[in-house]
Protein backbone atom coordinates (compact mmCIF):
# COMPACT_ATOMS: atom_id res chain seq x y z
CA MET A 1 15.88 -9.69 -8.83
CA LYS A 2 17.35 -9.44 -12.27
CA ILE A 3 16.75 -5.79 -13.05
CA LYS A 4 16.00 -5.01 -16.69
CA THR A 5 18.24 -2.01 -17.23
CA ASP A 6 17.16 -1.43 -20.82
CA ILE A 7 13.37 -1.38 -20.45
CA LYS A 8 11.68 2.03 -20.78
CA ALA A 9 8.38 3.13 -19.30
CA SER A 10 7.03 3.89 -22.77
CA ALA A 11 7.56 0.25 -23.75
CA LEU A 12 4.75 -0.69 -21.35
CA LYS A 13 2.18 1.56 -23.03
CA ASP A 14 0.40 -1.23 -24.92
CA LYS A 15 0.41 -3.50 -21.88
CA LEU A 16 -1.15 -0.72 -19.81
CA SER A 17 -3.88 -0.20 -22.38
CA HIS A 18 -4.69 -3.92 -22.29
CA PHE A 19 -4.57 -3.84 -18.49
CA TRP A 20 -7.17 -1.06 -18.24
CA LYS A 21 -9.51 -2.87 -20.61
CA ILE A 22 -9.42 -5.98 -18.44
CA SER A 23 -9.60 -3.88 -15.28
CA GLY A 24 -12.87 -2.25 -16.35
CA GLU A 25 -14.37 -5.63 -17.13
CA LYS A 26 -13.45 -6.94 -13.68
CA ILE A 27 -14.99 -3.97 -11.86
CA SER A 28 -18.23 -4.40 -13.82
CA LEU A 29 -18.23 -8.14 -13.17
CA ILE A 30 -17.95 -7.63 -9.41
CA GLU A 31 -20.77 -5.08 -9.41
CA LYS A 32 -22.93 -7.49 -11.37
CA ARG A 33 -22.27 -10.66 -9.40
CA TYR A 34 -21.09 -9.84 -5.88
CA GLU A 35 -23.69 -9.88 -3.13
CA GLN A 36 -23.01 -6.65 -1.25
CA SER A 37 -25.04 -7.73 1.79
CA LYS A 38 -22.21 -10.14 2.66
CA GLY A 39 -19.87 -7.22 3.46
CA SER A 40 -16.81 -5.89 1.66
CA PRO A 41 -15.21 -8.20 -0.90
CA VAL A 42 -11.77 -9.25 0.28
CA PHE A 43 -10.30 -12.03 -1.90
CA THR A 44 -11.43 -14.54 -4.49
CA VAL A 45 -12.24 -18.22 -4.11
CA ASN A 46 -12.51 -20.09 -7.40
CA GLY A 47 -12.47 -16.74 -9.15
CA ASN A 48 -15.35 -15.18 -7.20
CA TYR A 49 -14.87 -12.44 -4.64
CA THR A 50 -15.87 -13.36 -1.13
CA THR A 51 -15.58 -11.77 2.29
CA ARG A 52 -13.56 -12.68 5.34
CA GLY A 53 -14.39 -11.19 8.72
CA TRP A 54 -11.46 -9.44 10.40
CA THR A 55 -11.92 -5.73 9.83
CA GLU A 56 -13.68 -3.82 7.06
CA TRP A 57 -10.49 -2.63 5.41
CA THR A 58 -11.10 -3.32 1.71
CA GLN A 59 -14.26 -1.41 0.76
CA GLY A 60 -12.28 1.73 -0.05
CA PHE A 61 -10.19 -0.33 -2.45
CA GLN A 62 -13.33 -1.58 -4.19
CA TYR A 63 -14.73 1.85 -4.99
CA GLY A 64 -11.35 3.51 -5.16
CA SER A 65 -10.63 1.13 -8.03
CA ALA A 66 -13.57 2.58 -9.96
CA ILE A 67 -12.17 6.09 -9.39
CA LEU A 68 -8.75 5.04 -10.72
CA GLN A 69 -10.43 3.37 -13.70
CA PHE A 70 -12.16 6.65 -14.57
CA ASP A 71 -8.92 8.58 -14.03
CA ALA A 72 -7.06 6.31 -16.46
CA THR A 73 -9.77 5.85 -19.11
CA GLY A 74 -12.38 8.60 -18.74
CA ASP A 75 -15.15 6.01 -18.29
CA GLN A 76 -18.01 8.04 -16.79
CA THR A 77 -19.89 4.94 -15.62
CA MET A 78 -17.00 4.20 -13.29
CA LEU A 79 -17.05 7.72 -11.89
CA SER A 80 -20.81 7.54 -11.32
CA LEU A 81 -20.45 4.20 -9.55
CA ALA A 82 -17.65 5.48 -7.32
CA LYS A 83 -19.48 8.66 -6.32
CA LYS A 84 -22.71 6.82 -5.59
CA LYS A 85 -21.07 4.14 -3.47
CA THR A 86 -18.79 6.55 -1.64
CA LEU A 87 -21.86 8.49 -0.56
CA GLU A 88 -23.87 5.39 0.34
CA VAL A 89 -21.40 3.16 2.16
CA MET A 90 -18.17 4.91 3.10
CA ALA A 91 -19.35 7.16 5.96
CA PRO A 92 -18.85 4.48 8.67
CA HIS A 93 -15.22 4.18 7.60
CA VAL A 94 -14.69 7.90 8.22
CA SER A 95 -15.75 7.60 11.86
CA HIS A 96 -14.38 4.08 12.50
CA ILE A 97 -12.46 4.25 15.76
CA GLY A 98 -11.45 0.57 15.84
CA VAL A 99 -9.00 0.23 12.95
CA HIS A 100 -5.70 1.50 11.60
CA ASP A 101 -7.01 1.47 8.01
CA HIS A 102 -8.18 5.03 7.33
CA GLY A 103 -5.57 5.58 4.65
CA PHE A 104 -6.78 2.47 2.86
CA ASN A 105 -10.50 3.22 2.93
CA ASN A 106 -10.83 6.99 2.95
CA VAL A 107 -7.84 8.32 1.03
CA SER A 108 -8.66 5.80 -1.71
CA THR A 109 -12.20 7.20 -2.08
CA TYR A 110 -12.76 10.71 -0.70
CA GLY A 111 -9.10 11.56 -1.28
CA ASN A 112 -9.05 10.40 -4.88
CA LEU A 113 -12.28 12.25 -5.67
CA LEU A 114 -10.98 15.49 -4.17
CA ARG A 115 -7.74 15.04 -6.10
CA LEU A 116 -9.62 14.63 -9.38
CA MET A 117 -11.58 17.81 -8.71
CA HIS A 118 -8.42 19.74 -7.92
CA GLU A 119 -6.78 18.45 -11.09
CA GLY A 120 -9.77 19.47 -13.17
CA LYS A 121 -10.62 15.93 -14.24
CA ILE A 122 -14.12 16.22 -12.78
CA PRO A 123 -16.23 19.43 -12.66
CA PHE A 124 -15.73 21.74 -9.69
CA ASN A 125 -18.64 21.90 -7.27
CA GLU A 126 -18.22 23.78 -4.00
CA TRP A 127 -20.53 21.62 -1.89
CA GLU A 128 -19.17 18.39 -3.32
CA LYS A 129 -15.63 19.57 -2.62
CA GLU A 130 -16.51 20.47 0.96
CA PHE A 131 -18.07 17.01 1.42
CA TYR A 132 -14.77 15.34 0.49
CA VAL A 133 -12.78 17.83 2.57
CA LEU A 134 -14.90 17.24 5.67
CA ALA A 135 -14.59 13.47 5.32
CA LEU A 136 -10.79 13.69 5.06
CA LYS A 137 -10.53 16.10 7.98
CA ILE A 138 -12.51 13.81 10.26
CA SER A 139 -10.80 10.63 9.03
CA GLY A 140 -7.34 11.94 9.84
CA ALA A 141 -8.35 13.09 13.31
CA VAL A 142 -10.15 9.83 14.13
CA GLN A 143 -7.12 7.84 12.97
CA ALA A 144 -4.77 10.01 15.04
CA SER A 145 -6.87 9.38 18.16
CA ARG A 146 -5.86 5.72 18.05
CA TRP A 147 -2.63 6.61 19.78
CA THR A 148 0.00 4.96 21.97
CA GLY A 149 2.69 7.08 23.57
CA ILE A 150 6.17 5.58 23.96
CA LYS A 151 9.42 6.83 25.47
CA ASP A 152 10.62 8.41 22.24
CA GLY A 153 7.33 9.45 20.65
CA GLY A 154 4.29 7.42 19.75
CA PHE A 155 2.37 5.56 17.07
CA ILE A 156 -1.08 4.73 15.71
CA HIS A 157 -1.78 1.34 17.22
CA SER A 158 -3.30 -1.56 15.30
CA PHE A 159 -6.61 -3.27 16.00
CA ASN A 160 -4.64 -5.76 18.12
CA GLY A 161 -4.42 -3.17 20.86
CA ALA A 162 -2.38 -0.32 22.30
CA HIS A 163 0.80 -2.43 22.42
CA SER A 164 0.85 -3.10 18.66
CA LEU A 165 2.55 -1.16 15.88
CA PHE A 166 1.83 -2.58 12.41
CA VAL A 167 4.23 -1.72 9.59
CA ASP A 168 1.30 -1.42 7.13
CA THR A 169 -0.14 1.53 9.08
CA ILE A 170 2.44 3.71 7.36
CA ARG A 171 -0.06 4.09 4.50
CA SER A 172 -2.67 5.41 6.93
CA VAL A 173 -0.34 8.25 7.91
CA ARG A 174 -1.58 9.80 4.65
CA ALA A 175 -4.93 10.40 6.39
CA LEU A 176 -3.22 12.50 9.06
CA ILE A 177 -1.15 14.37 6.47
CA LEU A 178 -4.20 15.27 4.38
CA SER A 179 -6.27 16.29 7.41
CA HIS A 180 -3.45 18.52 8.64
CA SER A 181 -2.97 20.00 5.15
CA LEU A 182 -6.65 20.95 5.13
CA GLY A 183 -6.20 22.89 8.38
CA HIS A 184 -7.61 20.35 10.80
CA TYR A 185 -6.44 19.01 14.17
CA LEU A 186 -7.51 16.48 16.79
CA GLN A 187 -9.36 18.01 19.73
CA THR A 188 -9.52 16.06 22.99
CA GLU A 189 -10.56 16.51 26.62
CA GLY A 190 -10.24 20.03 27.92
CA ASP A 191 -10.30 21.28 24.32
CA VAL A 192 -6.65 20.33 23.94
CA LYS A 193 -5.64 20.65 20.28
CA ILE A 194 -3.28 17.98 18.97
CA ASN A 195 -1.23 18.69 15.88
CA LEU A 196 -1.80 15.93 13.30
CA LEU A 197 1.48 16.56 11.53
CA HIS A 198 3.38 16.01 14.77
CA ARG A 199 1.62 12.67 15.25
CA ALA A 200 2.30 11.70 11.65
CA ILE A 201 6.00 12.43 12.14
CA GLN A 202 6.11 10.43 15.37
CA HIS A 203 4.43 7.44 13.70
CA LEU A 204 6.77 7.57 10.71
CA THR A 205 9.74 7.78 13.06
CA ALA A 206 8.57 4.83 15.15
CA THR A 207 8.00 2.74 12.02
CA ALA A 208 11.44 3.58 10.65
CA LYS A 209 13.12 2.90 13.99
CA TYR A 210 11.33 -0.25 15.16
CA SER A 211 9.79 -1.92 12.08
CA VAL A 212 12.84 -1.70 9.81
CA TYR A 213 16.25 -3.28 10.48
CA TYR A 214 19.56 -1.76 9.40
CA ASN A 215 22.31 -4.16 10.57
CA GLU A 216 23.49 -1.60 13.13
CA GLY A 217 22.94 -0.79 16.80
CA ARG A 218 20.00 -2.79 18.11
CA ASP A 219 19.91 -4.67 14.82
CA ILE A 220 23.58 -5.61 14.47
CA TYR A 221 22.59 -9.29 14.30
CA ASP A 222 20.18 -8.67 11.43
CA VAL A 223 20.35 -7.57 7.80
CA TRP A 224 19.85 -4.27 5.96
CA GLY A 225 16.20 -3.62 5.12
CA ARG A 226 14.41 -6.52 6.76
CA THR A 227 11.05 -5.60 8.28
CA ALA A 228 8.88 -6.89 11.10
CA HIS A 229 5.13 -6.92 10.56
CA GLU A 230 4.33 -6.06 14.17
CA SER A 231 6.38 -4.34 16.88
CA ILE A 232 5.33 -4.91 20.49
CA PHE A 233 5.60 -2.28 23.24
CA ASN A 234 5.08 -2.26 26.99
CA THR A 235 2.23 0.22 27.39
CA LYS A 236 3.08 0.77 31.07
CA ASP A 237 6.53 2.26 30.56
CA GLY A 238 6.63 2.88 26.79
CA ASN A 239 9.53 0.52 26.13
CA TYR A 240 9.94 -1.54 22.97
CA ARG A 241 9.78 -5.27 23.70
CA CYS A 242 10.06 -7.45 20.60
CA PRO A 243 9.11 -8.06 16.96
CA ASN A 244 6.11 -10.17 16.07
CA SER A 245 4.06 -11.13 13.05
CA GLN A 246 0.38 -11.72 12.38
CA GLN A 247 0.35 -12.57 8.67
CA GLY A 248 3.99 -13.51 8.18
CA TYR A 249 5.88 -16.62 9.24
CA THR A 250 7.63 -15.18 12.31
CA GLY A 251 8.70 -11.88 13.82
CA PHE A 252 12.24 -12.74 12.73
CA SER A 253 11.45 -13.27 9.07
CA THR A 254 10.07 -10.79 6.56
CA TRP A 255 6.45 -10.95 5.50
CA THR A 256 6.83 -9.51 2.04
CA ARG A 257 3.57 -7.57 1.93
CA GLY A 258 4.59 -5.81 5.14
CA LEU A 259 7.91 -5.02 3.49
CA ALA A 260 6.04 -3.62 0.50
CA TRP A 261 3.86 -1.37 2.67
CA ALA A 262 7.02 0.17 4.10
CA MET A 263 8.59 0.62 0.66
CA CYS A 264 5.53 2.39 -0.70
CA GLY A 265 4.77 4.38 2.44
CA PHE A 266 8.21 5.84 3.01
CA ALA A 267 8.63 6.75 -0.67
CA GLU A 268 5.33 8.62 -0.97
CA GLU A 269 5.81 10.43 2.33
CA LEU A 270 9.28 11.51 1.17
CA GLU A 271 7.56 13.23 -1.75
CA TRP A 272 5.16 15.08 0.53
CA PHE A 273 7.80 16.26 2.99
CA HIS A 274 10.06 17.41 0.18
CA GLU A 275 7.31 19.70 -1.11
CA GLN A 276 6.77 21.43 2.25
CA ASP A 277 8.29 24.71 3.37
CA ASP A 278 11.30 23.97 5.58
CA ALA A 279 10.07 26.46 8.18
CA MET A 280 6.80 24.53 8.58
CA ILE A 281 8.41 21.18 9.43
CA PRO A 282 10.36 20.88 12.69
CA ASP A 283 13.78 19.36 11.91
CA LYS A 284 12.76 18.53 8.33
CA LYS A 285 16.29 17.49 7.31
CA THR A 286 16.48 14.80 10.00
CA ILE A 287 13.02 13.46 9.13
CA MET A 288 13.83 13.33 5.43
CA GLU A 289 17.10 11.49 6.09
CA LEU A 290 15.33 8.95 8.31
CA MET A 291 12.65 8.23 5.70
CA LEU A 292 15.13 8.08 2.84
CA LYS A 293 17.24 5.58 4.76
CA ALA A 294 14.18 3.41 5.52
CA ALA A 295 12.94 3.61 1.92
CA MET A 296 16.32 2.61 0.49
CA ALA A 297 16.86 -0.18 3.03
CA THR A 298 13.48 -1.79 2.38
CA CYS A 299 13.76 -1.44 -1.40
CA ASP A 300 17.25 -2.96 -1.30
CA PHE A 301 15.99 -5.89 0.75
CA TYR A 302 13.17 -6.46 -1.74
CA ILE A 303 15.56 -6.44 -4.70
CA ASN A 304 18.02 -8.77 -2.96
CA ASN A 305 15.43 -11.27 -1.71
CA THR A 306 13.02 -11.57 -4.64
CA PRO A 307 13.18 -13.93 -7.63
CA THR A 308 14.47 -12.67 -10.96
CA ASP A 309 11.09 -11.48 -12.33
CA GLY A 310 10.32 -9.27 -9.31
CA ILE A 311 7.52 -11.33 -7.72
CA PRO A 312 8.27 -12.40 -4.12
CA TYR A 313 7.23 -15.41 -2.14
CA TRP A 314 4.90 -14.59 0.76
CA ASP A 315 7.63 -14.57 3.43
CA THR A 316 11.39 -14.63 3.02
CA GLY A 317 11.72 -17.08 5.92
CA ALA A 318 8.94 -19.45 4.89
CA PRO A 319 10.21 -22.97 5.68
CA GLY A 320 9.36 -24.53 2.34
CA LEU A 321 11.76 -22.23 0.51
CA ALA A 322 14.64 -24.42 1.72
CA LYS A 323 13.25 -27.22 -0.46
CA MET A 324 13.17 -25.10 -3.62
CA GLY A 325 16.86 -24.93 -4.44
CA ASP A 326 18.22 -21.70 -5.89
CA TYR A 327 14.78 -20.12 -6.10
CA LEU A 328 16.04 -16.51 -6.15
CA ASN A 329 17.94 -17.02 -9.40
CA LYS A 330 14.92 -17.93 -11.48
CA PRO A 331 11.43 -16.49 -12.00
CA ALA A 332 8.92 -17.02 -9.19
CA ASP A 333 6.79 -20.13 -9.63
CA PRO A 334 3.21 -19.64 -8.38
CA TYR A 335 2.46 -23.33 -9.03
CA ASN A 336 5.34 -24.87 -7.04
CA GLU A 337 4.73 -27.52 -4.35
CA PHE A 338 6.10 -25.71 -1.29
CA GLU A 339 5.41 -21.99 -0.80
CA PRO A 340 3.04 -19.50 -2.46
CA VAL A 341 4.11 -16.29 -4.10
CA ASP A 342 2.31 -13.08 -3.13
CA SER A 343 1.63 -10.91 -6.16
CA SER A 344 -0.08 -8.32 -3.94
CA ALA A 345 3.28 -7.62 -2.30
CA ALA A 346 4.70 -6.90 -5.74
CA GLU A 347 1.75 -4.67 -6.63
CA ILE A 348 2.41 -2.50 -3.57
CA ALA A 349 6.21 -2.67 -3.79
CA VAL A 350 6.39 -1.54 -7.42
CA GLN A 351 5.10 1.90 -6.50
CA GLY A 352 7.71 2.23 -3.77
CA LEU A 353 10.49 1.33 -6.20
CA LEU A 354 9.27 3.74 -8.87
CA ARG A 355 8.65 6.66 -6.51
CA LEU A 356 11.96 6.23 -4.70
CA GLY A 357 13.76 5.91 -8.02
CA ARG A 358 12.25 9.10 -9.36
CA PHE A 359 12.91 10.97 -6.10
CA LEU A 360 16.59 10.03 -6.15
CA GLN A 361 16.90 10.80 -9.87
CA GLU A 362 15.62 14.33 -9.31
CA HIS A 363 17.10 15.23 -5.94
CA HIS A 364 20.08 13.05 -5.04
CA ASP A 365 21.81 10.42 -7.16
CA THR A 366 20.77 9.73 -10.75
CA ASP A 367 22.54 6.37 -11.03
CA LEU A 368 21.11 5.08 -7.77
CA GLY A 369 17.70 6.39 -8.70
CA ASN A 370 17.89 4.61 -12.02
CA ARG A 371 18.47 1.31 -10.21
CA TYR A 372 15.24 1.55 -8.24
CA TRP A 373 13.31 2.95 -11.20
CA GLN A 374 14.37 0.10 -13.46
CA ALA A 375 13.58 -2.42 -10.73
CA GLY A 376 10.08 -0.97 -10.56
CA LEU A 377 9.65 -1.23 -14.32
CA THR A 378 10.85 -4.84 -14.16
CA VAL A 379 8.19 -5.75 -11.60
CA MET A 380 5.49 -3.89 -13.51
CA ASP A 381 6.41 -5.62 -16.76
CA THR A 382 5.88 -8.98 -15.06
CA LEU A 383 2.57 -8.05 -13.42
CA LEU A 384 1.05 -6.80 -16.66
CA ALA A 385 1.28 -10.21 -18.31
CA GLU A 386 0.27 -13.80 -17.65
CA PRO A 387 0.46 -15.77 -15.41
CA TYR A 388 -0.35 -12.74 -13.19
CA LEU A 389 -2.76 -10.68 -15.29
CA SER A 390 -6.15 -12.39 -15.06
CA THR A 391 -7.44 -12.83 -18.63
CA ASN A 392 -10.24 -15.29 -17.81
CA PRO A 393 -13.46 -13.26 -18.36
CA ASP A 394 -15.27 -15.20 -15.62
CA HIS A 395 -12.61 -14.59 -12.96
CA GLN A 396 -13.45 -11.47 -10.91
CA GLY A 397 -9.85 -10.80 -9.89
CA LEU A 398 -7.45 -8.62 -11.86
CA ILE A 399 -4.04 -9.87 -10.69
CA LEU A 400 -3.65 -13.54 -9.79
CA HIS A 401 -1.62 -15.34 -7.10
CA SER A 402 -2.29 -13.05 -4.16
CA ILE A 403 -2.04 -14.25 -0.55
CA TYR A 404 -4.07 -12.95 2.39
CA HIS A 405 -3.33 -14.80 5.64
CA ARG A 406 -1.22 -17.93 5.26
CA PRO A 407 -0.88 -18.68 9.02
CA ASN A 408 -4.65 -18.61 9.47
CA GLY A 409 -5.22 -20.78 6.41
CA TRP A 410 -7.60 -18.27 4.84
CA ASP A 411 -6.32 -18.63 1.27
CA HIS A 412 -7.94 -20.98 -1.22
CA ILE A 413 -5.91 -24.01 -2.29
CA PRO A 414 -7.20 -25.30 -5.62
CA LYS A 415 -7.77 -28.98 -6.21
CA GLY A 416 -4.57 -30.77 -7.12
CA SER A 417 -2.32 -28.13 -5.54
CA SER A 418 -0.54 -28.12 -2.19
CA ILE A 419 -0.38 -24.31 -1.88
CA PRO A 420 -2.72 -21.37 -2.55
CA ASN A 421 -2.55 -19.93 -6.06
CA GLY A 422 -4.72 -18.54 -8.83
CA GLU A 423 -6.68 -16.07 -6.70
CA SER A 424 -6.82 -12.28 -6.31
CA SER A 425 -7.29 -9.74 -3.53
CA MET A 426 -9.08 -6.40 -3.40
CA TRP A 427 -6.01 -4.61 -2.00
CA GLY A 428 -3.77 -6.17 -4.62
CA ASP A 429 -6.07 -5.26 -7.51
CA TYR A 430 -6.39 -1.68 -6.23
CA HIS A 431 -2.64 -1.22 -5.89
CA ALA A 432 -2.04 -2.67 -9.35
CA ARG A 433 -4.40 0.00 -10.69
CA GLU A 434 -2.71 2.71 -8.63
CA ALA A 435 0.73 1.73 -9.92
CA ALA A 436 -0.58 1.51 -13.50
CA LEU A 437 -2.10 4.99 -13.24
CA TYR A 438 1.11 6.37 -11.76
CA LEU A 439 3.13 5.00 -14.66
CA GLN A 440 0.61 5.93 -17.34
CA ARG A 441 0.57 9.55 -16.20
CA ILE A 442 4.34 9.70 -16.49
CA ILE A 443 4.31 8.12 -19.95
CA GLN A 444 1.63 10.56 -21.14
CA ASP A 445 3.29 13.56 -19.45
CA GLU A 446 0.24 14.24 -17.29
CA THR A 447 0.13 15.69 -13.77
CA TYR A 448 2.42 13.69 -11.51
CA HIS A 449 0.25 11.41 -9.38
CA THR A 450 0.44 11.89 -5.61
CA PHE A 451 -2.04 11.32 -2.81
CA PHE A 452 -1.64 14.93 -1.68
CA ASN A 453 -2.50 16.78 -4.90
CA ILE A 454 -5.75 18.04 -3.37
CA GLN A 455 -5.17 21.80 -2.95
């Protein structure tokens, strides 16, 4: 990346205003045209949202987007839509025992609504509050029950099975954190009570240890900050076996959206742990150091392996990149002939860069923090303009050039192109809104936006 060291957050104010106008139009367009009986909208084909059966992991992003739109603009129609749909369709996600996606679906809806009530942005109502609280309590416990023990701890396993640790599940740790913060726990056979914070810490530790590479110890052959999408374990003896990938090119290359999940997840969890009483967190200093190291490593890898404008290609080891010359020293080209970019990775990564930058500015090293902060602003500046911001009023997506599952061939390749481009994803559009809200609140000196501002 070529980090813009002179850009200020306030300089993006007009772009953010334009972004929210377009964002509201897209949400309304989806509500008007999408056939809900097909299932949750996942990604666009020829500008229209469609579904793709794997797991129902995007519905929380759909209605969470309406909540963020209200938060940013005060549009009451968006709040009404979000409340109505959360009540009508989100309950199965709270009790879903088959996925690792509770942070995606439930924190984005019930969590955001509870946060708005706590912040005074929506009227306080005791029963409504308790409805959101109960949903979050149950969600965190259900997610924690999807557990694999290993020799040095454990992790929330993916829908692939008990052997599988996905790097993206780091964002679902938020569900455990919120449930624990609300005084809940997981109760199992024999009325055994399992501490959700302890499981959250074990999952974060496993992700930092096995999903992220540091060019040391086990990883001496590898580079600082690379990530594996999936880590495989022997469930008989709890030993780590190997890296793997589902949506990336290989287990030995970096799927950039997986990298972005780690960047964002470690940075936001750093913020939560920092706010907690030292006496309440066993060995807090060690945990904080582990997460800070993982956050910095992954953010460094992103900066060092992304084109100048901050938008990455879908996998850093994708074979077609070798045909593209010095592709890192020029802006990403979503219309090239060889490999697609993934704007959704940038939309997730930008929040990790900004949050880590601010954390370091305030608590560790101002100069180092400034580097990550400015990198985040650089990425955001690119996303808020064409060719990424979707200005076509008939296109239902908000941010273009997102990739879902390249190995499975699920992404739409437009006529005349050899690679997918020009389409959007529900997770990408949600995270663009989340990053835009985060930045707007800082610019306007509002309450600092965190997932845990619920009490």
